[in-house]
Amino acid sequence: MTRSERERLIPTGFCWCCGKEIGLGKFFAQGHDKAAEAAYMAVHHEGSVARLLADTGFGPGADETIQEAALDRGGWQLCPRGCGYAGAPASVANHVRKYHTKEN
C-alpha cells in the first residue's frame, strides 16, 4: 500500500494521546504527540528504538536499513550536496542552509 492509498486521518477534536478535548483541526494537545510516541514505544518496544528496529525487521542482518527504507518509500531524500545526510525534505533543506553555505 502506498502512502497515497492509506486512509486519510481526520482530527476528532480530542487528543489522541489522552482524550482531552482540544478543538477541531488537531490530533494532539500541545506536546502530546511526543508523549503518545513514548507511550507507544513503552507498550510495544520496551521503550527502546533498538528494540523497535529489531521487532520490525531492521535490526542487524536485515536486508535493508531503516534509512534505506525511508529513502525508498518514506519520502526521505539525500542531501543534494553529496555529504550523505538523509532526512525529510524540510530537514534536508535546513541541513543544507546550516552546513553548506558559503559562511560555513
N, C-alpha and C. Protein backbone atom coordinates (compact mmCIF):
# COMPACT_ATOMS: atom_id res chain seq x y z
N MET A 1 0.85 -1.17 0.00
CA MET A 1 0.00 0.00 0.00
C MET A 1 0.90 1.24 0.00
N THR A 2 0.65 2.15 -0.92
CA THR A 2 1.44 3.37 -0.98
C THR A 2 0.88 4.40 -0.01
N ARG A 3 1.67 5.43 0.22
CA ARG A 3 1.24 6.48 1.15
C ARG A 3 -0.06 7.11 0.68
N SER A 4 -0.24 7.31 -0.61
CA SER A 4 -1.45 7.96 -1.12
C SER A 4 -2.67 7.06 -1.03
N GLU A 5 -2.48 5.74 -0.89
CA GLU A 5 -3.59 4.81 -0.78
C GLU A 5 -4.07 4.62 0.65
N ARG A 6 -3.32 5.12 1.61
CA ARG A 6 -3.69 4.94 3.00
C ARG A 6 -4.87 5.83 3.36
N GLU A 7 -5.65 5.39 4.32
CA GLU A 7 -6.79 6.15 4.80
C GLU A 7 -6.32 7.50 5.35
N ARG A 8 -6.99 8.56 4.97
CA ARG A 8 -6.66 9.89 5.48
C ARG A 8 -7.14 10.00 6.92
N LEU A 9 -6.25 10.44 7.79
CA LEU A 9 -6.60 10.60 9.21
C LEU A 9 -7.27 11.95 9.40
N ILE A 10 -8.31 11.96 10.19
CA ILE A 10 -9.09 13.18 10.44
C ILE A 10 -9.03 13.49 11.93
N PRO A 11 -8.63 14.72 12.29
CA PRO A 11 -8.67 15.11 13.71
C PRO A 11 -10.10 15.06 14.24
N THR A 12 -10.24 14.60 15.46
CA THR A 12 -11.58 14.40 16.04
C THR A 12 -12.00 15.51 17.00
N GLY A 13 -11.07 16.39 17.35
CA GLY A 13 -11.36 17.39 18.37
C GLY A 13 -10.94 16.94 19.77
N PHE A 14 -10.43 15.71 19.85
CA PHE A 14 -9.97 15.17 21.11
C PHE A 14 -8.53 14.66 20.93
N CYS A 15 -7.70 14.85 21.93
CA CYS A 15 -6.30 14.42 21.88
C CYS A 15 -6.22 12.90 21.72
N TRP A 16 -5.47 12.44 20.75
CA TRP A 16 -5.32 11.01 20.52
C TRP A 16 -4.44 10.37 21.57
N CYS A 17 -3.78 11.16 22.40
CA CYS A 17 -2.93 10.63 23.47
C CYS A 17 -3.74 10.39 24.74
N CYS A 18 -4.48 11.41 25.15
CA CYS A 18 -5.13 11.36 26.47
C CYS A 18 -6.64 11.52 26.43
N GLY A 19 -7.21 11.88 25.28
CA GLY A 19 -8.65 12.05 25.16
C GLY A 19 -9.17 13.42 25.53
N LYS A 20 -8.29 14.33 25.94
CA LYS A 20 -8.69 15.68 26.32
C LYS A 20 -9.30 16.42 25.12
N GLU A 21 -10.36 17.17 25.37
CA GLU A 21 -10.97 17.97 24.29
C GLU A 21 -10.02 19.10 23.92
N ILE A 22 -9.70 19.21 22.64
CA ILE A 22 -8.73 20.21 22.18
C ILE A 22 -9.24 21.07 21.04
N GLY A 23 -10.40 20.79 20.52
CA GLY A 23 -10.94 21.54 19.39
C GLY A 23 -10.56 20.90 18.07
N LEU A 24 -11.31 21.24 17.05
CA LEU A 24 -11.11 20.64 15.74
C LEU A 24 -9.80 21.11 15.11
N GLY A 25 -9.27 20.27 14.24
CA GLY A 25 -8.08 20.64 13.48
C GLY A 25 -6.77 20.14 14.05
N LYS A 26 -6.80 19.51 15.22
CA LYS A 26 -5.57 18.99 15.82
C LYS A 26 -5.77 17.54 16.23
N PHE A 27 -4.67 16.79 16.19
CA PHE A 27 -4.70 15.41 16.67
C PHE A 27 -4.30 15.31 18.14
N PHE A 28 -3.47 16.25 18.59
CA PHE A 28 -2.90 16.16 19.93
C PHE A 28 -2.94 17.51 20.64
N ALA A 29 -3.05 17.46 21.97
CA ALA A 29 -2.80 18.64 22.79
C ALA A 29 -1.31 18.96 22.66
N GLN A 30 -0.93 20.18 22.96
CA GLN A 30 0.46 20.59 22.78
C GLN A 30 1.41 19.65 23.52
N GLY A 31 2.39 19.11 22.78
CA GLY A 31 3.39 18.22 23.34
C GLY A 31 2.97 16.77 23.47
N HIS A 32 1.70 16.49 23.27
CA HIS A 32 1.21 15.13 23.48
C HIS A 32 1.56 14.18 22.34
N ASP A 33 1.95 14.70 21.18
CA ASP A 33 2.40 13.80 20.12
C ASP A 33 3.64 13.03 20.57
N LYS A 34 4.54 13.72 21.24
CA LYS A 34 5.75 13.05 21.75
C LYS A 34 5.43 12.15 22.93
N ALA A 35 4.46 12.55 23.75
CA ALA A 35 4.06 11.69 24.87
C ALA A 35 3.42 10.41 24.34
N ALA A 36 2.60 10.52 23.30
CA ALA A 36 1.97 9.34 22.69
C ALA A 36 3.02 8.44 22.07
N GLU A 37 4.00 9.04 21.42
CA GLU A 37 5.09 8.27 20.82
C GLU A 37 5.85 7.50 21.90
N ALA A 38 6.17 8.15 22.98
CA ALA A 38 6.90 7.50 24.08
C ALA A 38 6.05 6.39 24.71
N ALA A 39 4.75 6.63 24.87
CA ALA A 39 3.87 5.61 25.45
C ALA A 39 3.79 4.39 24.53
N TYR A 40 3.67 4.64 23.24
CA TYR A 40 3.64 3.53 22.28
C TYR A 40 4.92 2.71 22.35
N MET A 41 6.04 3.41 22.39
CA MET A 41 7.34 2.72 22.47
C MET A 41 7.42 1.88 23.75
N ALA A 42 6.92 2.42 24.86
CA ALA A 42 6.94 1.69 26.13
C ALA A 42 6.08 0.43 26.06
N VAL A 43 4.91 0.55 25.46
CA VAL A 43 3.97 -0.57 25.37
C VAL A 43 4.45 -1.65 24.42
N HIS A 44 4.98 -1.24 23.28
CA HIS A 44 5.27 -2.20 22.21
C HIS A 44 6.75 -2.58 22.04
N HIS A 45 7.67 -1.75 22.52
CA HIS A 45 9.08 -2.00 22.22
C HIS A 45 10.01 -1.74 23.40
N GLU A 46 9.51 -1.94 24.61
CA GLU A 46 10.32 -1.79 25.82
C GLU A 46 10.94 -0.40 25.94
N GLY A 47 10.35 0.59 25.28
CA GLY A 47 10.87 1.95 25.33
C GLY A 47 12.19 2.12 24.60
N SER A 48 12.52 1.20 23.70
CA SER A 48 13.83 1.17 23.07
C SER A 48 13.71 1.27 21.55
N VAL A 49 14.40 2.22 20.94
CA VAL A 49 14.42 2.34 19.49
C VAL A 49 15.11 1.12 18.88
N ALA A 50 16.15 0.62 19.53
CA ALA A 50 16.82 -0.58 19.04
C ALA A 50 15.84 -1.75 18.99
N ARG A 51 15.02 -1.91 20.03
CA ARG A 51 14.02 -2.98 20.06
C ARG A 51 12.98 -2.76 18.96
N LEU A 52 12.55 -1.53 18.76
CA LEU A 52 11.61 -1.21 17.69
C LEU A 52 12.16 -1.66 16.33
N LEU A 53 13.42 -1.31 16.04
CA LEU A 53 14.01 -1.67 14.76
C LEU A 53 14.13 -3.18 14.62
N ALA A 54 14.58 -3.85 15.67
CA ALA A 54 14.68 -5.31 15.63
C ALA A 54 13.31 -5.95 15.44
N ASP A 55 12.31 -5.45 16.16
CA ASP A 55 10.95 -6.00 16.08
C ASP A 55 10.32 -5.82 14.70
N THR A 56 10.76 -4.82 13.96
CA THR A 56 10.16 -4.52 12.65
C THR A 56 11.05 -4.92 11.48
N GLY A 57 12.09 -5.71 11.76
CA GLY A 57 12.90 -6.26 10.70
C GLY A 57 14.05 -5.39 10.22
N PHE A 58 14.43 -4.40 11.00
CA PHE A 58 15.52 -3.51 10.61
C PHE A 58 16.74 -3.64 11.51
N GLY A 59 16.82 -4.71 12.25
CA GLY A 59 17.96 -4.93 13.13
C GLY A 59 19.17 -5.46 12.36
N PRO A 60 20.20 -5.87 13.08
CA PRO A 60 21.41 -6.42 12.45
C PRO A 60 21.07 -7.56 11.49
N GLY A 61 21.70 -7.54 10.33
CA GLY A 61 21.49 -8.59 9.34
C GLY A 61 20.27 -8.40 8.46
N ALA A 62 19.56 -7.30 8.63
CA ALA A 62 18.37 -7.05 7.81
C ALA A 62 18.78 -6.80 6.36
N ASP A 63 17.84 -7.02 5.44
CA ASP A 63 18.09 -6.80 4.02
C ASP A 63 18.30 -5.33 3.69
N GLU A 64 17.71 -4.44 4.47
CA GLU A 64 17.90 -3.01 4.27
C GLU A 64 17.88 -2.30 5.62
N THR A 65 18.51 -1.14 5.67
CA THR A 65 18.49 -0.34 6.89
C THR A 65 17.22 0.48 6.93
N ILE A 66 16.89 1.00 8.09
CA ILE A 66 15.72 1.86 8.20
C ILE A 66 15.91 3.12 7.36
N GLN A 67 17.14 3.61 7.26
CA GLN A 67 17.40 4.79 6.43
C GLN A 67 17.13 4.48 4.96
N GLU A 68 17.58 3.32 4.49
CA GLU A 68 17.31 2.93 3.11
C GLU A 68 15.82 2.82 2.85
N ALA A 69 15.07 2.26 3.78
CA ALA A 69 13.62 2.14 3.64
C ALA A 69 12.96 3.52 3.58
N ALA A 70 13.42 4.42 4.43
CA ALA A 70 12.86 5.78 4.44
C ALA A 70 13.15 6.50 3.13
N LEU A 71 14.33 6.29 2.58
CA LEU A 71 14.67 6.90 1.29
C LEU A 71 13.86 6.28 0.16
N ASP A 72 13.64 4.98 0.22
CA ASP A 72 12.95 4.26 -0.84
C ASP A 72 11.44 4.51 -0.83
N ARG A 73 10.83 4.50 0.36
CA ARG A 73 9.37 4.56 0.40
C ARG A 73 8.81 5.42 1.53
N GLY A 74 9.64 6.18 2.19
CA GLY A 74 9.17 7.00 3.30
C GLY A 74 9.19 8.49 3.03
N GLY A 75 9.51 8.88 1.80
CA GLY A 75 9.52 10.29 1.47
C GLY A 75 10.80 11.03 1.84
N TRP A 76 11.80 10.31 2.34
CA TRP A 76 13.08 10.94 2.67
C TRP A 76 13.90 11.17 1.41
N GLN A 77 14.91 12.04 1.54
CA GLN A 77 15.82 12.31 0.44
C GLN A 77 17.23 12.52 0.98
N LEU A 78 18.20 12.38 0.07
CA LEU A 78 19.60 12.61 0.42
C LEU A 78 19.94 14.07 0.20
N CYS A 79 20.93 14.55 0.93
CA CYS A 79 21.44 15.90 0.73
C CYS A 79 21.93 16.03 -0.71
N PRO A 80 21.49 17.07 -1.41
CA PRO A 80 21.91 17.23 -2.80
C PRO A 80 23.39 17.59 -2.95
N ARG A 81 24.05 17.95 -1.85
CA ARG A 81 25.47 18.28 -1.89
C ARG A 81 26.37 17.07 -1.75
N GLY A 82 25.77 15.87 -1.60
CA GLY A 82 26.54 14.63 -1.62
C GLY A 82 27.26 14.27 -0.33
N CYS A 83 26.87 14.87 0.79
CA CYS A 83 27.57 14.59 2.05
C CYS A 83 27.06 13.32 2.75
N GLY A 84 25.93 12.77 2.27
CA GLY A 84 25.39 11.55 2.86
C GLY A 84 24.27 11.78 3.85
N TYR A 85 24.00 13.04 4.22
CA TYR A 85 22.90 13.32 5.14
C TYR A 85 21.58 12.91 4.48
N ALA A 86 20.69 12.32 5.26
CA ALA A 86 19.37 11.92 4.76
C ALA A 86 18.31 12.36 5.75
N GLY A 87 17.14 12.72 5.24
CA GLY A 87 16.04 13.10 6.11
C GLY A 87 14.83 13.52 5.31
N ALA A 88 13.82 13.96 6.02
CA ALA A 88 12.63 14.51 5.38
C ALA A 88 13.03 15.77 4.61
N PRO A 89 12.28 16.11 3.56
CA PRO A 89 12.67 17.27 2.74
C PRO A 89 12.95 18.54 3.53
N ALA A 90 12.13 18.87 4.51
CA ALA A 90 12.36 20.08 5.31
C ALA A 90 13.64 19.97 6.12
N SER A 91 13.94 18.78 6.63
CA SER A 91 15.16 18.57 7.39
C SER A 91 16.39 18.70 6.49
N VAL A 92 16.30 18.17 5.28
CA VAL A 92 17.42 18.29 4.34
C VAL A 92 17.63 19.76 3.97
N ALA A 93 16.56 20.49 3.74
CA ALA A 93 16.68 21.92 3.42
C ALA A 93 17.36 22.68 4.56
N ASN A 94 16.98 22.39 5.80
CA ASN A 94 17.62 23.03 6.96
C ASN A 94 19.09 22.65 7.04
N HIS A 95 19.39 21.39 6.80
CA HIS A 95 20.77 20.91 6.81
C HIS A 95 21.61 21.66 5.77
N VAL A 96 21.09 21.80 4.57
CA VAL A 96 21.83 22.49 3.51
C VAL A 96 22.10 23.94 3.91
N ARG A 97 21.08 24.62 4.43
CA ARG A 97 21.26 26.01 4.87
C ARG A 97 22.30 26.12 5.98
N LYS A 98 22.30 25.15 6.90
CA LYS A 98 23.19 25.22 8.05
C LYS A 98 24.63 24.81 7.72
N TYR A 99 24.80 23.78 6.91
CA TYR A 99 26.12 23.20 6.71
C TYR A 99 26.75 23.41 5.33
N HIS A 100 25.97 23.89 4.39
CA HIS A 100 26.50 24.01 3.04
C HIS A 100 26.36 25.44 2.49
N THR A 101 26.54 26.41 3.36
CA THR A 101 26.53 27.79 2.91
C THR A 101 27.96 28.29 2.77
N LYS A 102 28.14 29.38 2.10
CA LYS A 102 29.49 29.94 1.90
C LYS A 102 30.13 30.35 3.21
N GLU A 103 29.31 30.70 4.21
CA GLU A 103 29.86 31.15 5.50
C GLU A 103 30.42 29.99 6.30
N ASN A 104 29.95 28.76 6.07
CA ASN A 104 30.37 27.60 6.87
C ASN A 104 31.60 26.94 6.31
